Amino acid sequence: MAPKKIGAGKADSSILAKISNTNIVSQGRRSACDAVYVSKKLLRSTGKAAWFAGTTFLILVVPLIIEMGRDQELGELELEQASLLGVPPAGALM
């Protein structure tokens, strides 16, 4: 059996207790907690901003794109009908 070190366990734990109870360690812990709190809030706000921008794009821009596509289709349909009916294109009347 290995020889026991007398008092080594208590000395180590008391030194760690003294170090962990110092003012600088407490300030470090508070700073770390504050940094985590601010980071979480920043990530949450960034996510909300991205969601807001995405939904705004969908609500405002997508209907415009759809309408532009419809207008183009209507113009192509009018040209096709005019060519089938034998009517000259609108630019040729001038």
PDB file of N, CA and C in Angstrom:
ATOM      1  N   MET A   1       0.839  -1.176   0.000  1.00  0.00           N
ATOM      2  CA  MET A   1       0.000   0.000   0.000  1.00  0.00           C
ATOM      3  C   MET A   1       0.890   1.248   0.000  1.00  0.00           C
ATOM      4  N   ALA A   2       0.474   2.268  -0.748  1.00  0.00           N
ATOM      5  CA  ALA A   2       1.279   3.481  -0.854  1.00  0.00           C
ATOM      6  C   ALA A   2       1.174   4.295   0.426  1.00  0.00           C
ATOM      7  N   PRO A   3       2.250   4.985   0.768  1.00  0.00           N
ATOM      8  CA  PRO A   3       2.194   5.801   1.988  1.00  0.00           C
ATOM      9  C   PRO A   3       1.237   6.975   1.810  1.00  0.00           C
ATOM     10  N   LYS A   4       0.536   7.309   2.868  1.00  0.00           N
ATOM     11  CA  LYS A   4      -0.440   8.417   2.838  1.00  0.00           C
ATOM     12  C   LYS A   4       0.286   9.728   3.109  1.00  0.00           C
ATOM     13  N   LYS A   5      -0.143  10.752   2.400  1.00  0.00           N
ATOM     14  CA  LYS A   5       0.399  12.079   2.663  1.00  0.00           C
ATOM     15  C   LYS A   5      -0.479  12.727   3.723  1.00  0.00           C
ATOM     16  N   ILE A   6       0.102  13.117   4.773  1.00  0.00           N
ATOM     17  CA  ILE A   6      -0.663  13.656   5.885  1.00  0.00           C
ATOM     18  C   ILE A   6      -1.004  15.119   5.610  1.00  0.00           C
ATOM     19  N   GLY A   7      -2.298  15.431   5.665  1.00  0.00           N
ATOM     20  CA  GLY A   7      -2.751  16.817   5.523  1.00  0.00           C
ATOM     21  C   GLY A   7      -2.741  17.366   4.122  1.00  0.00           C
ATOM     22  N   ALA A   8      -2.402  16.572   3.110  1.00  0.00           N
ATOM     23  CA  ALA A   8      -2.330  17.094   1.745  1.00  0.00           C
ATOM     24  C   ALA A   8      -3.709  17.461   1.208  1.00  0.00           C
ATOM     25  N   GLY A   9      -4.715  16.664   1.528  1.00  0.00           N
ATOM     26  CA  GLY A   9      -6.057  16.929   1.029  1.00  0.00           C
ATOM     27  C   GLY A   9      -6.634  18.217   1.580  1.00  0.00           C
ATOM     28  N   LYS A  10      -6.445  18.442   2.862  1.00  0.00           N
ATOM     29  CA  LYS A  10      -6.989  19.656   3.480  1.00  0.00           C
ATOM     30  C   LYS A  10      -6.246  20.894   2.999  1.00  0.00           C
ATOM     31  N   ALA A  11      -4.951  20.781   2.828  1.00  0.00           N
ATOM     32  CA  ALA A  11      -4.171  21.937   2.392  1.00  0.00           C
ATOM     33  C   ALA A  11      -4.563  22.337   0.975  1.00  0.00           C
ATOM     34  N   ASP A  12      -4.745  21.340   0.101  1.00  0.00           N
ATOM     35  CA  ASP A  12      -5.124  21.643  -1.275  1.00  0.00           C
ATOM     36  C   ASP A  12      -6.502  22.291  -1.329  1.00  0.00           C
ATOM     37  N   SER A  13      -7.447  21.757  -0.589  1.00  0.00           N
ATOM     38  CA  SER A  13      -8.799  22.291  -0.638  1.00  0.00           C
ATOM     39  C   SER A  13      -8.864  23.670   0.006  1.00  0.00           C
ATOM     40  N   SER A  14      -8.093  23.909   1.036  1.00  0.00           N
ATOM     41  CA  SER A  14      -8.137  25.230   1.668  1.00  0.00           C
ATOM     42  C   SER A  14      -7.471  26.276   0.774  1.00  0.00           C
ATOM     43  N   ILE A  15      -6.429  25.902   0.056  1.00  0.00           N
ATOM     44  CA  ILE A  15      -5.790  26.841  -0.873  1.00  0.00           C
ATOM     45  C   ILE A  15      -6.746  27.181  -2.010  1.00  0.00           C
ATOM     46  N   LEU A  16      -7.416  26.144  -2.550  1.00  0.00           N
ATOM     47  CA  LEU A  16      -8.393  26.392  -3.612  1.00  0.00           C
ATOM     48  C   LEU A  16      -9.541  27.248  -3.110  1.00  0.00           C
ATOM     49  N   ALA A  17      -9.979  27.010  -1.887  1.00  0.00           N
ATOM     50  CA  ALA A  17     -11.065  27.802  -1.311  1.00  0.00           C
ATOM     51  C   ALA A  17     -10.636  29.255  -1.155  1.00  0.00           C
ATOM     52  N   LYS A  18      -9.405  29.461  -0.699  1.00  0.00           N
ATOM     53  CA  LYS A  18      -8.908  30.836  -0.535  1.00  0.00           C
ATOM     54  C   LYS A  18      -8.818  31.545  -1.890  1.00  0.00           C
ATOM     55  N   ILE A  19      -8.333  30.828  -2.893  1.00  0.00           N
ATOM     56  CA  ILE A  19      -8.184  31.444  -4.218  1.00  0.00           C
ATOM     57  C   ILE A  19      -9.554  31.729  -4.834  1.00  0.00           C
ATOM     58  N   SER A  20     -10.484  30.778  -4.703  1.00  0.00           N
ATOM     59  CA  SER A  20     -11.788  30.961  -5.344  1.00  0.00           C
ATOM     60  C   SER A  20     -12.640  32.004  -4.639  1.00  0.00           C
ATOM     61  N   ASN A  21     -12.305  32.344  -3.410  1.00  0.00           N
ATOM     62  CA  ASN A  21     -13.065  33.361  -2.685  1.00  0.00           C
ATOM     63  C   ASN A  21     -12.446  34.747  -2.792  1.00  0.00           C
ATOM     64  N   THR A  22     -11.432  34.910  -3.614  1.00  0.00           N
ATOM     65  CA  THR A  22     -10.807  36.227  -3.740  1.00  0.00           C
ATOM     66  C   THR A  22     -11.683  37.152  -4.574  1.00  0.00           C
ATOM     67  N   ASN A  23     -11.421  38.414  -4.425  1.00  0.00           N
ATOM     68  CA  ASN A  23     -12.207  39.446  -5.108  1.00  0.00           C
ATOM     69  C   ASN A  23     -12.033  39.373  -6.628  1.00  0.00           C
ATOM     70  N   ILE A  24     -10.820  39.115  -7.079  1.00  0.00           N
ATOM     71  CA  ILE A  24     -10.550  39.078  -8.520  1.00  0.00           C
ATOM     72  C   ILE A  24     -11.294  37.930  -9.189  1.00  0.00           C
ATOM     73  N   VAL A  25     -11.390  36.793  -8.506  1.00  0.00           N
ATOM     74  CA  VAL A  25     -12.111  35.646  -9.063  1.00  0.00           C
ATOM     75  C   VAL A  25     -13.607  35.961  -9.126  1.00  0.00           C
ATOM     76  N   SER A  26     -14.120  36.608  -8.094  1.00  0.00           N
ATOM     77  CA  SER A  26     -15.541  36.980  -8.092  1.00  0.00           C
ATOM     78  C   SER A  26     -15.851  37.956  -9.229  1.00  0.00           C
ATOM     79  N   GLN A  27     -14.971  38.925  -9.444  1.00  0.00           N
ATOM     80  CA  GLN A  27     -15.172  39.878 -10.541  1.00  0.00           C
ATOM     81  C   GLN A  27     -15.103  39.171 -11.892  1.00  0.00           C
ATOM     82  N   GLY A  28     -14.192  38.212 -12.016  1.00  0.00           N
ATOM     83  CA  GLY A  28     -14.086  37.446 -13.260  1.00  0.00           C
ATOM     84  C   GLY A  28     -15.352  36.661 -13.543  1.00  0.00           C
ATOM     85  N   ARG A  29     -15.902  36.031 -12.503  1.00  0.00           N
ATOM     86  CA  ARG A  29     -17.161  35.288 -12.671  1.00  0.00           C
ATOM     87  C   ARG A  29     -18.290  36.207 -13.093  1.00  0.00           C
ATOM     88  N   ARG A  30     -18.399  37.363 -12.423  1.00  0.00           N
ATOM     89  CA  ARG A  30     -19.463  38.321 -12.783  1.00  0.00           C
ATOM     90  C   ARG A  30     -19.296  38.796 -14.219  1.00  0.00           C
ATOM     91  N   SER A  31     -18.064  39.064 -14.614  1.00  0.00           N
ATOM     92  CA  SER A  31     -17.808  39.513 -15.985  1.00  0.00           C
ATOM     93  C   SER A  31     -18.169  38.437 -16.997  1.00  0.00           C
ATOM     94  N   ALA A  32     -17.839  37.194 -16.674  1.00  0.00           N
ATOM     95  CA  ALA A  32     -18.171  36.088 -17.574  1.00  0.00           C
ATOM     96  C   ALA A  32     -19.682  35.927 -17.693  1.00  0.00           C
ATOM     97  N   CYS A  33     -20.387  36.016 -16.573  1.00  0.00           N
ATOM     98  CA  CYS A  33     -21.853  35.905 -16.603  1.00  0.00           C
ATOM     99  C   CYS A  33     -22.470  37.056 -17.391  1.00  0.00           C
ATOM    100  N   ASP A  34     -21.942  38.262 -17.203  1.00  0.00           N
ATOM    101  CA  ASP A  34     -22.444  39.414 -17.958  1.00  0.00           C
ATOM    102  C   ASP A  34     -22.209  39.243 -19.455  1.00  0.00           C
ATOM    103  N   ALA A  35     -21.039  38.723 -19.807  1.00  0.00           N
ATOM    104  CA  ALA A  35     -20.730  38.509 -21.228  1.00  0.00           C
ATOM    105  C   ALA A  35     -21.671  37.478 -21.839  1.00  0.00           C
ATOM    106  N   VAL A  36     -21.976  36.420 -21.108  1.00  0.00           N
ATOM    107  CA  VAL A  36     -22.909  35.400 -21.605  1.00  0.00           C
ATOM    108  C   VAL A  36     -24.296  36.001 -21.771  1.00  0.00           C
ATOM    109  N   TYR A  37     -24.732  36.799 -20.802  1.00  0.00           N
ATOM    110  CA  TYR A  37     -26.050  37.428 -20.856  1.00  0.00           C
ATOM    111  C   TYR A  37     -26.165  38.346 -22.074  1.00  0.00           C
ATOM    112  N   VAL A  38     -25.155  39.188 -22.282  1.00  0.00           N
ATOM    113  CA  VAL A  38     -25.175  40.113 -23.426  1.00  0.00           C
ATOM    114  C   VAL A  38     -25.129  39.339 -24.742  1.00  0.00           C
ATOM    115  N   SER A  39     -24.338  38.282 -24.797  1.00  0.00           N
ATOM    116  CA  SER A  39     -24.248  37.475 -26.025  1.00  0.00           C
ATOM    117  C   SER A  39     -25.580  36.839 -26.357  1.00  0.00           C
ATOM    118  N   LYS A  40     -26.268  36.312 -25.354  1.00  0.00           N
ATOM    119  CA  LYS A  40     -27.585  35.712 -25.595  1.00  0.00           C
ATOM    120  C   LYS A  40     -28.570  36.751 -26.109  1.00  0.00           C
ATOM    121  N   LYS A  41     -28.570  37.934 -25.496  1.00  0.00           N
ATOM    122  CA  LYS A  41     -29.487  38.986 -25.945  1.00  0.00           C
ATOM    123  C   LYS A  41     -29.158  39.416 -27.375  1.00  0.00           C
ATOM    124  N   LEU A  42     -27.866  39.513 -27.685  1.00  0.00           N
ATOM    125  CA  LEU A  42     -27.455  39.913 -29.033  1.00  0.00           C
ATOM    126  C   LEU A  42     -27.889  38.880 -30.065  1.00  0.00           C
ATOM    127  N   LEU A  43     -27.685  37.603 -29.755  1.00  0.00           N
ATOM    128  CA  LEU A  43     -28.109  36.554 -30.682  1.00  0.00           C
ATOM    129  C   LEU A  43     -29.616  36.550 -30.865  1.00  0.00           C
ATOM    130  N   ARG A  44     -30.348  36.748 -29.770  1.00  0.00           N
ATOM    131  CA  ARG A  44     -31.809  36.773 -29.859  1.00  0.00           C
ATOM    132  C   ARG A  44     -32.271  37.946 -30.714  1.00  0.00           C
ATOM    133  N   SER A  45     -31.687  39.160 -30.489  1.00  0.00           N
ATOM    134  CA  SER A  45     -32.097  40.303 -31.302  1.00  0.00           C
ATOM    135  C   SER A  45     -31.708  40.154 -32.749  1.00  0.00           C
ATOM    136  N   THR A  46     -30.543  39.551 -33.008  1.00  0.00           N
ATOM    137  CA  THR A  46     -30.130  39.322 -34.388  1.00  0.00           C
ATOM    138  C   THR A  46     -31.093  38.373 -35.083  1.00  0.00           C
ATOM    139  N   GLY A  47     -31.514  37.335 -34.369  1.00  0.00           N
ATOM    140  CA  GLY A  47     -32.483  36.399 -34.931  1.00  0.00           C
ATOM    141  C   GLY A  47     -33.811  37.061 -35.214  1.00  0.00           C
ATOM    142  N   LYS A  48     -34.253  37.915 -34.295  1.00  0.00           N
ATOM    143  CA  LYS A  48     -35.520  38.634 -34.500  1.00  0.00           C
ATOM    144  C   LYS A  48     -35.405  39.575 -35.697  1.00  0.00           C
ATOM    145  N   ALA A  49     -34.275  40.251 -35.831  1.00  0.00           N
ATOM    146  CA  ALA A  49     -34.081  41.167 -36.954  1.00  0.00           C
ATOM    147  C   ALA A  49     -34.065  40.408 -38.279  1.00  0.00           C
ATOM    148  N   ALA A  50     -33.428  39.248 -38.296  1.00  0.00           N
ATOM    149  CA  ALA A  50     -33.398  38.444 -39.518  1.00  0.00           C
ATOM    150  C   ALA A  50     -34.797  37.952 -39.875  1.00  0.00           C
ATOM    151  N   TRP A  51     -35.565  37.528 -38.881  1.00  0.00           N
ATOM    152  CA  TRP A  51     -36.942  37.084 -39.129  1.00  0.00           C
ATOM    153  C   TRP A  51     -37.776  38.245 -39.665  1.00  0.00           C
ATOM    154  N   PHE A  52     -37.631  39.413 -39.058  1.00  0.00           N
ATOM    155  CA  PHE A  52     -38.379  40.599 -39.480  1.00  0.00           C
ATOM    156  C   PHE A  52     -38.035  40.971 -40.917  1.00  0.00           C
ATOM    157  N   ALA A  53     -36.751  40.967 -41.254  1.00  0.00           N
ATOM    158  CA  ALA A  53     -36.333  41.302 -42.624  1.00  0.00           C
ATOM    159  C   ALA A  53     -36.863  40.273 -43.619  1.00  0.00           C
ATOM    160  N   GLY A  54     -36.814  39.002 -43.252  1.00  0.00           N
ATOM    161  CA  GLY A  54     -37.302  37.952 -44.151  1.00  0.00           C
ATOM    162  C   GLY A  54     -38.787  38.050 -44.409  1.00  0.00           C
ATOM    163  N   THR A  55     -39.569  38.261 -43.357  1.00  0.00           N
ATOM    164  CA  THR A  55     -41.013  38.365 -43.549  1.00  0.00           C
ATOM    165  C   THR A  55     -41.374  39.643 -44.298  1.00  0.00           C
ATOM    166  N   THR A  56     -40.658  40.723 -44.044  1.00  0.00           N
ATOM    167  CA  THR A  56     -40.917  41.963 -44.781  1.00  0.00           C
ATOM    168  C   THR A  56     -40.645  41.753 -46.264  1.00  0.00           C
ATOM    169  N   PHE A  57     -39.567  41.056 -46.579  1.00  0.00           N
ATOM    170  CA  PHE A  57     -39.260  40.755 -47.981  1.00  0.00           C
ATOM    171  C   PHE A  57     -40.393  39.959 -48.609  1.00  0.00           C
ATOM    172  N   LEU A  58     -40.857  38.933 -47.897  1.00  0.00           N
ATOM    173  CA  LEU A  58     -41.928  38.100 -48.446  1.00  0.00           C
ATOM    174  C   LEU A  58     -43.211  38.888 -48.645  1.00  0.00           C
ATOM    175  N   ILE A  59     -43.530  39.774 -47.720  1.00  0.00           N
ATOM    176  CA  ILE A  59     -44.787  40.517 -47.801  1.00  0.00           C
ATOM    177  C   ILE A  59     -44.724  41.604 -48.867  1.00  0.00           C
ATOM    178  N   LEU A  60     -43.595  42.288 -49.001  1.00  0.00           N
ATOM    179  CA  LEU A  60     -43.513  43.435 -49.904  1.00  0.00           C
ATOM    180  C   LEU A  60     -42.979  43.108 -51.292  1.00  0.00           C
ATOM    181  N   VAL A  61     -41.986  42.280 -51.394  1.00  0.00           N
ATOM    182  CA  VAL A  61     -41.287  42.094 -52.662  1.00  0.00           C
ATOM    183  C   VAL A  61     -41.865  40.951 -53.499  1.00  0.00           C
ATOM    184  N   VAL A  62     -42.208  39.850 -52.866  1.00  0.00           N
ATOM    185  CA  VAL A  62     -42.684  38.692 -53.629  1.00  0.00           C
ATOM    186  C   VAL A  62     -43.945  39.006 -54.422  1.00  0.00           C
ATOM    187  N   PRO A  63     -44.949  39.697 -53.857  1.00  0.00           N
ATOM    188  CA  PRO A  63     -46.117  40.035 -54.696  1.00  0.00           C
ATOM    189  C   PRO A  63     -45.759  40.901 -55.905  1.00  0.00           C
ATOM    190  N   LEU A  64     -44.765  41.779 -55.756  1.00  0.00           N
ATOM    191  CA  LEU A  64     -44.336  42.603 -56.895  1.00  0.00           C
ATOM    192  C   LEU A  64     -43.720  41.737 -57.986  1.00  0.00           C
ATOM    193  N   ILE A  65     -42.930  40.754 -57.581  1.00  0.00           N
ATOM    194  CA  ILE A  65     -42.310  39.854 -58.558  1.00  0.00           C
ATOM    195  C   ILE A  65     -43.378  39.044 -59.273  1.00  0.00           C
ATOM    196  N   ILE A  66     -44.365  38.585 -58.529  1.00  0.00           N
ATOM    197  CA  ILE A  66     -45.450  37.808 -59.130  1.00  0.00           C
ATOM    198  C   ILE A  66     -46.229  38.668 -60.123  1.00  0.00           C
ATOM    199  N   GLU A  67     -46.515  39.924 -59.742  1.00  0.00           N
ATOM    200  CA  GLU A  67     -47.265  40.810 -60.634  1.00  0.00           C
ATOM    201  C   GLU A  67     -46.469  41.128 -61.895  1.00  0.00           C
ATOM    202  N   MET A  68     -45.164  41.320 -61.768  1.00  0.00           N
ATOM    203  CA  MET A  68     -44.334  41.577 -62.953  1.00  0.00           C
ATOM    204  C   MET A  68     -44.381  40.375 -63.885  1.00  0.00           C
ATOM    205  N   GLY A  69     -44.365  39.185 -63.332  1.00  0.00           N
ATOM    206  CA  GLY A  69     -44.451  37.987 -64.154  1.00  0.00           C
ATOM    207  C   GLY A  69     -45.790  37.900 -64.866  1.00  0.00           C
ATOM    208  N   ARG A  70     -46.861  38.281 -64.177  1.00  0.00           N
ATOM    209  CA  ARG A  70     -48.196  38.278 -64.799  1.00  0.00           C
ATOM    210  C   ARG A  70     -48.256  39.282 -65.943  1.00  0.00           C
ATOM    211  N   ASP A  71     -47.712  40.480 -65.704  1.00  0.00           N
ATOM    212  CA  ASP A  71     -47.721  41.503 -66.759  1.00  0.00           C
ATOM    213  C   ASP A  71     -46.965  41.014 -67.983  1.00  0.00           C
ATOM    214  N   GLN A  72     -45.851  40.379 -67.770  1.00  0.00           N
ATOM    215  CA  GLN A  72     -45.070  39.866 -68.892  1.00  0.00           C
ATOM    216  C   GLN A  72     -45.852  38.778 -69.626  1.00  0.00           C
ATOM    217  N   GLU A  73     -46.504  37.898 -68.878  1.00  0.00           N
ATOM    218  CA  GLU A  73     -47.306  36.847 -69.510  1.00  0.00           C
ATOM    219  C   GLU A  73     -48.455  37.438 -70.315  1.00  0.00           C
ATOM    220  N   LEU A  74     -49.105  38.476 -69.766  1.00  0.00           N
ATOM    221  CA  LEU A  74     -50.210  39.117 -70.490  1.00  0.00           C
ATOM    222  C   LEU A  74     -49.715  39.764 -71.781  1.00  0.00           C
ATOM    223  N   GLY A  75     -48.556  40.410 -71.708  1.00  0.00           N
ATOM    224  CA  GLY A  75     -47.992  41.024 -72.908  1.00  0.00           C
ATOM    225  C   GLY A  75     -47.670  39.985 -73.965  1.00  0.00           C
ATOM    226  N   GLU A  76     -47.093  38.870 -73.552  1.00  0.00           N
ATOM    227  CA  GLU A  76     -46.788  37.792 -74.500  1.00  0.00           C
ATOM    228  C   GLU A  76     -48.065  37.191 -75.075  1.00  0.00           C
ATOM    229  N   LEU A  77     -49.097  37.057 -74.241  1.00  0.00           N
ATOM    230  CA  LEU A  77     -50.369  36.509 -74.696  1.00  0.00           C
ATOM    231  C   LEU A  77     -51.021  37.447 -75.715  1.00  0.00           C
ATOM    232  N   GLU A  78     -50.955  38.759 -75.463  1.00  0.00           N
ATOM    233  CA  GLU A  78     -51.521  39.725 -76.404  1.00  0.00           C
ATOM    234  C   GLU A  78     -50.791  39.673 -77.751  1.00  0.00           C
ATOM    235  N   LEU A  79     -49.463  39.560 -77.699  1.00  0.00           N
ATOM    236  CA  LEU A  79     -48.697  39.464 -78.944  1.00  0.00           C
ATOM    237  C   LEU A  79     -49.039  38.185 -79.696  1.00  0.00           C
ATOM    238  N   GLU A  80     -49.216  37.106 -78.985  1.00  0.00           N
ATOM    239  CA  GLU A  80     -49.554  35.831 -79.626  1.00  0.00           C
ATOM    240  C   GLU A  80     -50.935  35.902 -80.259  1.00  0.00           C
ATOM    241  N   GLN A  81     -51.904  36.497 -79.541  1.00  0.00           N
ATOM    242  CA  GLN A  81     -53.254  36.626 -80.090  1.00  0.00           C
ATOM    243  C   GLN A  81     -53.262  37.544 -81.313  1.00  0.00           C
ATOM    244  N   ALA A  82     -52.507  38.611 -81.232  1.00  0.00           N
ATOM    245  CA  ALA A  82     -52.457  39.550 -82.351  1.00  0.00           C
ATOM    246  C   ALA A  82     -51.843  38.886 -83.577  1.00  0.00           C
ATOM    247  N   SER A  83     -50.828  38.067 -83.370  1.00  0.00           N
ATOM    248  CA  SER A  83     -50.206  37.401 -84.517  1.00  0.00           C
ATOM    249  C   SER A  83     -51.137  36.342 -85.097  1.00  0.00           C
ATOM    250  N   LEU A  84     -51.926  35.692 -84.246  1.00  0.00           N
ATOM    251  CA  LEU A  84     -52.872  34.693 -84.740  1.00  0.00           C
ATOM    252  C   LEU A  84     -54.016  35.350 -85.518  1.00  0.00           C
ATOM    253  N   LEU A  85     -54.444  36.518 -85.064  1.00  0.00           N
ATOM    254  CA  LEU A  85     -55.551  37.215 -85.716  1.00  0.00           C
ATOM    255  C   LEU A  85     -55.086  37.996 -86.943  1.00  0.00           C
ATOM    256  N   GLY A  86     -53.824  38.137 -87.123  1.00  0.00           N
ATOM    257  CA  GLY A  86     -53.302  38.860 -88.273  1.00  0.00           C
ATOM    258  C   GLY A  86     -53.275  40.360 -88.073  1.00  0.00           C
ATOM    259  N   VAL A  87     -53.423  40.804 -86.843  1.00  0.00           N
ATOM    260  CA  VAL A  87     -53.382  42.232 -86.568  1.00  0.00           C
ATOM    261  C   VAL A  87     -51.908  42.626 -86.465  1.00  0.00           C
ATOM    262  N   PRO A  88     -51.531  43.724 -87.110  1.00  0.00           N
ATOM    263  CA  PRO A  88     -50.128  44.145 -87.031  1.00  0.00           C
ATOM    264  C   PRO A  88     -49.773  44.572 -85.595  1.00  0.00           C
ATOM    265  N   PRO A  89     -48.537  44.409 -85.196  1.00  0.00           N
ATOM    266  CA  PRO A  89     -48.134  44.830 -83.852  1.00  0.00           C
ATOM    267  C   PRO A  89     -48.391  46.307 -83.641  1.00  0.00           C
ATOM    268  N   ALA A  90     -48.540  46.715 -82.403  1.00  0.00           N
ATOM    269  CA  ALA A  90     -48.891  48.095 -82.052  1.00  0.00           C
ATOM    270  C   ALA A  90     -47.843  49.081 -82.546  1.00  0.00           C
ATOM    271  N   GLY A  91     -46.600  48.731 -82.577  1.00  0.00           N
ATOM    272  CA  GLY A  91     -45.544  49.625 -83.038  1.00  0.00           C
ATOM    273  C   GLY A  91     -45.580  49.851 -84.542  1.00  0.00           C
ATOM    274  N   ALA A  92     -46.215  48.977 -85.311  1.00  0.00           N
ATOM    275  CA  ALA A  92     -46.238  49.075 -86.764  1.00  0.00           C
ATOM    276  C   ALA A  92     -47.288  50.062 -87.257  1.00  0.00           C
ATOM    277  N   LEU A  93     -48.195  50.495 -86.417  1.00  0.00           N
ATOM    278  CA  LEU A  93     -49.281  51.401 -86.816  1.00  0.00           C
ATOM    279  C   LEU A  93     -48.792  52.832 -86.962  1.00  0.00           C
ATOM    280  N   MET A  94     -47.679  53.189 -86.475  1.00  0.00           N
ATOM    281  CA  MET A  94     -47.219  54.585 -86.506  1.00  0.00           C
ATOM    282  C   MET A  94     -46.701  54.969 -87.835  1.00  0.00           C
TER     283      MET A  94
END
